[in-house]
Protein backbone atom coordinates (compact mmCIF):
# COMPACT_ATOMS: atom_id res chain seq x y z
CA MET A 1 161.43 113.70 130.04
CA LYS A 2 163.62 112.75 127.09
CA ARG A 3 164.96 115.77 125.12
CA TYR A 4 165.61 115.48 121.39
CA ASN A 5 168.29 117.14 119.31
CA ILE A 6 168.36 116.64 115.64
CA ASN A 7 171.54 114.96 114.57
CA LEU A 8 171.69 113.49 111.02
CA GLU A 9 175.29 112.36 111.16
CA GLY A 10 175.43 109.02 109.25
CA LYS A 11 172.68 110.20 106.87
CA ASN A 12 173.88 110.36 103.22
CA ILE A 13 171.12 112.33 101.40
CA ALA A 14 170.52 112.73 97.69
CA ILE A 15 168.37 115.75 96.68
CA THR A 16 166.91 116.37 93.17
CA GLY A 17 166.14 119.93 92.17
CA ALA A 18 169.03 120.97 94.39
CA ALA A 19 169.74 124.11 92.35
CA GLY A 20 166.30 125.51 93.24
CA ALA A 21 165.41 127.81 96.05
CA ILE A 22 163.60 125.30 98.23
CA CYS A 23 165.80 122.28 97.78
CA GLY A 24 168.98 124.33 97.83
CA GLN A 25 167.94 125.59 101.26
CA PHE A 26 167.10 122.07 102.32
CA ALA A 27 170.55 120.94 101.44
CA ILE A 28 172.17 123.75 103.39
CA GLU A 29 170.10 123.01 106.51
CA LEU A 30 170.57 119.25 106.39
CA ALA A 31 174.34 119.72 106.15
CA LYS A 32 174.22 121.94 109.25
CA VAL A 33 172.93 119.03 111.30
CA GLY A 34 175.56 116.55 110.08
CA ALA A 35 174.18 114.99 106.90
CA LYS A 36 176.35 114.48 103.86
CA VAL A 37 174.53 115.75 100.85
CA ALA A 38 174.59 114.87 97.09
CA LEU A 39 173.08 117.77 95.15
CA LEU A 40 171.42 116.57 91.88
CA ASP A 41 170.27 118.91 89.23
CA ILE A 42 170.30 119.44 85.45
CA ASN A 43 171.87 122.84 86.22
CA LEU A 44 175.17 121.61 87.50
CA GLU A 45 176.79 125.09 87.84
CA LYS A 46 174.02 126.24 90.11
CA ALA A 47 174.06 123.06 92.17
CA GLN A 48 177.81 123.46 92.57
CA GLU A 49 177.33 126.88 93.96
CA VAL A 50 175.13 125.44 96.67
CA ALA A 51 177.68 122.66 97.32
CA ASP A 52 180.49 125.23 97.58
CA GLN A 53 178.55 127.16 100.14
CA ILE A 54 177.95 124.05 102.28
CA ASN A 55 181.58 122.94 102.03
CA ALA A 56 182.80 126.46 102.90
CA ASN A 57 180.83 126.35 106.13
CA GLY A 58 182.22 122.98 107.26
CA GLY A 59 179.64 120.60 105.76
CA PHE A 60 180.07 117.90 103.14
CA ALA A 61 178.37 118.30 99.79
CA ARG A 62 179.02 117.22 96.17
CA ALA A 63 177.08 118.46 93.01
CA TYR A 64 176.13 116.02 90.19
CA TYR A 65 174.52 116.47 86.86
CA ALA A 66 171.26 114.50 86.67
CA ASN A 67 168.38 114.61 84.09
CA VAL A 68 165.52 113.38 86.20
CA LEU A 69 163.52 112.44 83.03
CA SER A 70 166.13 110.01 81.96
CA ARG A 71 166.59 106.69 83.82
CA GLU A 72 169.94 106.26 82.08
CA SER A 73 171.18 109.63 83.36
CA LEU A 74 169.95 108.84 86.90
CA ASP A 75 171.59 105.44 86.91
CA GLU A 76 174.89 107.08 85.83
CA CYS A 77 174.51 109.63 88.47
CA TYR A 78 173.75 107.01 91.17
CA GLU A 79 176.92 105.19 90.35
CA LYS A 80 178.92 108.41 90.76
CA VAL A 81 177.23 109.30 93.98
CA ILE A 82 177.78 105.80 95.48
CA ALA A 83 181.44 106.01 94.49
CA ASP A 84 181.80 109.19 96.52
CA PHE A 85 179.48 108.52 99.45
CA GLY A 86 179.50 104.77 99.74
CA TYR A 87 175.65 104.58 100.24
CA ILE A 88 172.55 106.71 100.17
CA ASN A 89 169.93 106.22 102.84
CA LEU A 90 167.69 109.20 102.29
CA LEU A 91 166.28 110.51 99.02
CA ILE A 92 164.44 113.80 98.63
CA ASN A 93 162.62 114.15 95.29
CA GLY A 94 162.44 117.91 94.87
CA ALA A 95 162.64 118.44 91.07
CA GLY A 96 159.50 119.89 89.55
CA GLY A 97 157.91 123.08 88.22
CA ASN A 98 155.31 124.59 85.92
CA HIS A 99 155.38 126.42 82.60
CA PRO A 100 153.25 129.34 81.31
CA SER A 101 152.56 127.49 78.02
CA ALA A 102 150.46 124.99 79.97
CA THR A 103 148.43 127.74 81.75
CA THR A 104 145.06 129.06 80.69
CA ASP A 105 144.74 132.84 80.32
CA LYS A 106 141.47 132.97 82.33
CA GLU A 107 140.46 131.38 85.62
CA TYR A 108 136.99 130.60 84.28
CA TYR A 109 135.96 129.57 80.70
CA GLU A 110 133.58 132.06 79.10
CA LYS A 111 131.37 131.43 76.10
CA GLY A 112 133.14 132.35 72.89
CA ASP A 113 136.67 131.92 74.25
CA ILE A 114 137.26 128.99 71.90
CA LEU A 115 136.72 131.31 69.00
CA ASP A 116 138.79 134.15 70.40
CA GLU A 117 142.34 133.95 68.97
CA THR A 118 143.62 136.30 71.67
CA VAL A 119 142.64 133.97 74.45
CA LYS A 120 144.41 130.80 75.42
CA SER A 121 141.61 128.71 76.77
CA PHE A 122 141.61 125.09 78.03
CA PHE A 123 141.10 123.93 74.42
CA GLU A 124 144.26 125.56 73.21
CA LEU A 125 146.64 124.11 75.78
CA PRO A 126 149.36 122.31 73.80
CA ASP A 127 149.95 118.71 74.49
CA ALA A 128 153.77 118.69 74.61
CA PRO A 129 154.11 121.13 77.64
CA ILE A 130 151.44 119.24 79.43
CA ARG A 131 153.30 115.97 79.08
CA LYS A 132 156.57 117.69 80.06
CA ILE A 133 155.05 119.14 83.26
CA PHE A 134 153.52 115.83 84.19
CA ASP A 135 156.86 114.05 83.56
CA LEU A 136 158.89 116.69 85.40
CA ASN A 137 156.71 116.50 88.51
CA PHE A 138 155.56 112.96 88.71
CA THR A 139 157.51 110.60 86.34
CA SER A 140 160.79 112.10 87.60
CA ILE A 141 159.99 110.95 91.11
CA LEU A 142 159.24 107.42 89.87
CA LEU A 143 162.41 107.24 87.85
CA THR A 144 164.74 108.77 90.51
CA THR A 145 163.30 106.41 93.21
CA GLN A 146 163.91 103.42 90.95
CA ALA A 147 167.54 104.56 90.57
CA PHE A 148 168.35 105.56 94.15
CA ALA A 149 166.09 103.44 96.40
CA LYS A 150 167.54 100.20 95.05
CA GLY A 151 170.36 100.60 97.47
CA MET A 152 168.06 100.88 100.39
CA VAL A 153 166.09 97.63 100.01
CA GLU A 154 168.57 95.67 102.00
CA SER A 155 169.13 98.02 104.97
CA GLY A 156 166.15 100.43 104.97
CA GLY A 157 166.01 104.05 104.12
CA ASN A 158 163.80 107.11 103.75
CA VAL A 159 162.20 108.91 100.76
CA ILE A 160 160.67 112.30 100.98
CA ASN A 161 158.70 113.74 98.01
CA ILE A 162 157.81 117.28 97.45
CA SER A 163 154.22 117.66 96.53
CA SER A 164 152.15 120.89 96.60
CA MET A 165 149.10 122.58 97.96
CA ASN A 166 147.77 122.05 94.39
CA ALA A 167 147.37 118.39 95.23
CA TYR A 168 144.77 119.25 97.91
CA ARG A 169 143.03 122.20 96.16
CA PRO A 170 143.80 122.49 92.41
CA LEU A 171 144.49 126.17 91.55
CA THR A 172 142.74 127.78 88.58
CA LYS A 173 144.70 128.14 85.31
CA ILE A 174 147.27 125.42 85.94
CA PRO A 175 145.59 122.04 85.30
CA ALA A 176 148.62 120.01 84.36
CA TYR A 177 150.69 121.11 87.36
CA SER A 178 147.88 120.54 89.76
CA ALA A 179 147.11 117.06 88.40
CA ALA A 180 150.78 116.10 88.49
CA LYS A 181 151.19 117.13 92.09
CA SER A 182 148.07 115.16 93.02
CA ALA A 183 149.76 112.14 91.37
CA VAL A 184 152.82 112.83 93.53
CA SER A 185 150.85 112.62 96.77
CA ASN A 186 149.04 109.49 95.65
CA PHE A 187 152.33 107.82 94.55
CA THR A 188 153.86 108.74 97.94
CA GLN A 189 151.21 106.63 99.64
CA TRP A 190 151.65 103.80 97.14
CA LEU A 191 155.38 103.68 97.64
CA ALA A 192 155.01 103.82 101.46
CA VAL A 193 152.89 100.62 101.33
CA HIS A 194 155.07 98.96 98.72
CA PHE A 195 158.36 99.40 100.54
CA ALA A 196 156.98 99.03 104.22
CA GLY A 197 158.25 95.46 104.42
CA VAL A 198 161.84 96.41 103.75
CA GLY A 199 162.06 99.32 106.17
CA ILE A 200 161.88 102.24 103.67
CA ARG A 201 159.66 105.00 104.88
CA VAL A 202 158.08 107.25 102.26
CA ASN A 203 156.44 110.59 103.03
CA GLY A 204 155.85 113.94 101.44
CA ILE A 205 155.75 117.66 102.20
CA ALA A 206 153.16 119.84 100.52
CA PRO A 207 154.28 123.48 100.75
CA GLY A 208 151.66 126.17 100.50
CA PHE A 209 152.65 129.53 98.94
CA PHE A 210 156.32 130.41 99.35
CA VAL A 211 158.03 132.97 97.14
CA GLY A 212 160.64 131.28 94.93
CA ASN A 213 162.47 131.77 91.67
CA GLN A 214 159.71 130.27 89.56
CA ASN A 215 156.66 131.95 90.95
CA ARG A 216 157.99 135.35 91.86
CA GLY A 217 156.74 136.90 88.59
CA LEU A 218 153.26 135.55 89.35
CA LEU A 219 153.11 136.79 92.89
CA TYR A 220 154.59 140.28 92.39
CA ASN A 221 154.45 142.87 89.62
CA ASP A 222 157.28 144.96 88.20
CA LYS A 223 156.85 147.46 91.13
CA GLY A 224 157.17 144.78 93.73
CA GLU A 225 153.51 144.91 94.60
CA LEU A 226 151.21 141.92 95.16
CA THR A 227 149.39 140.79 92.04
CA PRO A 228 145.57 140.28 92.17
CA ARG A 229 146.26 136.49 92.30
CA SER A 230 148.48 137.03 95.33
CA HIS A 231 145.77 138.90 97.15
CA LYS A 232 143.46 135.96 96.51
CA ILE A 233 146.00 133.58 97.88
CA ILE A 234 146.66 135.56 101.03
CA SER A 235 142.93 136.15 101.67
CA HIS A 236 142.54 132.44 101.70
CA THR A 237 145.50 131.83 103.91
CA PRO A 238 144.35 132.11 107.57
CA LEU A 239 147.95 133.22 108.71
CA GLY A 240 147.60 136.04 106.26
CA ARG A 241 150.97 135.91 104.51
CA PHE A 242 153.30 133.82 102.27
CA GLY A 243 155.57 131.34 103.89
CA GLU A 244 159.27 131.76 104.47
CA LEU A 245 161.54 129.01 103.30
CA ASP A 246 162.87 128.51 106.89
CA GLU A 247 159.40 127.49 107.96
CA LEU A 248 159.72 124.23 105.83
CA ILE A 249 162.81 123.11 107.59
CA GLY A 250 161.22 121.87 110.85
CA THR A 251 158.89 119.52 108.98
CA LEU A 252 161.73 118.36 106.76
CA LEU A 253 164.03 117.56 109.73
CA TRP A 254 161.20 115.75 111.60
CA LEU A 255 160.66 113.42 108.56
CA CYS A 256 164.38 112.90 108.12
CA ASP A 257 165.03 111.93 111.70
CA ASP A 258 164.16 108.26 112.40
CA GLU A 259 163.94 108.91 116.18
CA PHE A 260 161.33 111.55 115.72
CA SER A 261 159.30 110.00 112.91
CA GLY A 262 160.32 106.37 112.71
CA PHE A 263 156.67 105.23 112.81
CA VAL A 264 155.48 107.73 110.22
CA THR A 265 155.04 106.63 106.65
CA GLY A 266 152.55 107.35 103.88
CA ILE A 267 151.61 110.85 104.83
CA VAL A 268 151.96 114.22 103.00
CA VAL A 269 152.30 117.02 105.43
CA PRO A 270 150.78 120.48 104.45
CA VAL A 271 152.86 123.44 105.43
CA ASP A 272 150.57 126.12 104.19
CA GLY A 273 149.55 128.65 106.80
CA GLY A 274 146.06 127.08 107.00
CA PHE A 275 145.28 127.36 103.32
CA SER A 276 144.10 123.72 102.95
CA ALA A 277 141.76 124.08 105.96
CA TYR A 278 140.01 127.27 104.85
CA SER A 279 136.77 127.03 102.83
CA GLY A 280 136.62 130.77 102.02
CA VAL A 281 133.86 131.53 104.49
């Protein structure tokens, strides 16, 4: 029987959101198996810290400033990356996030909330943050893929988008983020079909509930205890806990390796401890 070993030597990978907890860890693990990694983020200092860690451990990484909401910024970044790497044949679209200003105070609307100045209901959600969240999570992927996949159309490549469990089951209180991640999953399928004829595979990963920099304050209180919302999440996760970042790596490596997943395109893989399968009863 054939035995497989992950070896991504010859893969030049660009990762957006590389200063974040998840994509920073992705970069570190990809470098360990031979990939050269371009770390893209608006927080260049933090991305450089990740690159320094990779290089100190014998890998190859470079950090670049990129505003994923600006095609001009992405095009400029692409030219710099190509000058350093020669080519990019794998793109991971990991930039994204939510913001409290686009979050309702309550899970369920109650009569009179619209008249209560102390309650931010659905009707009080401001339009600017909603647009920003949608752009950050969805439009950024479209723009980044336009900038970086143009170098793949002649020789093939691979695009991996980071969706979310919210795309399967929208969470209460965060309508903009849930809708945007649903768009990411849909767009992943669209891109997979659109690029199939030129050898570009497009897939996604939909993490369940992992503790990161952005959501730590929502999942734990000041005493380090689980919040009521966390208890709800874990009670609806059959494996009964939050995920560890390392538990995303196997799915990532599988999708990156053409020998393992060369006939896989147009899917979004949930890594969620069973959350998406559980109806609550």
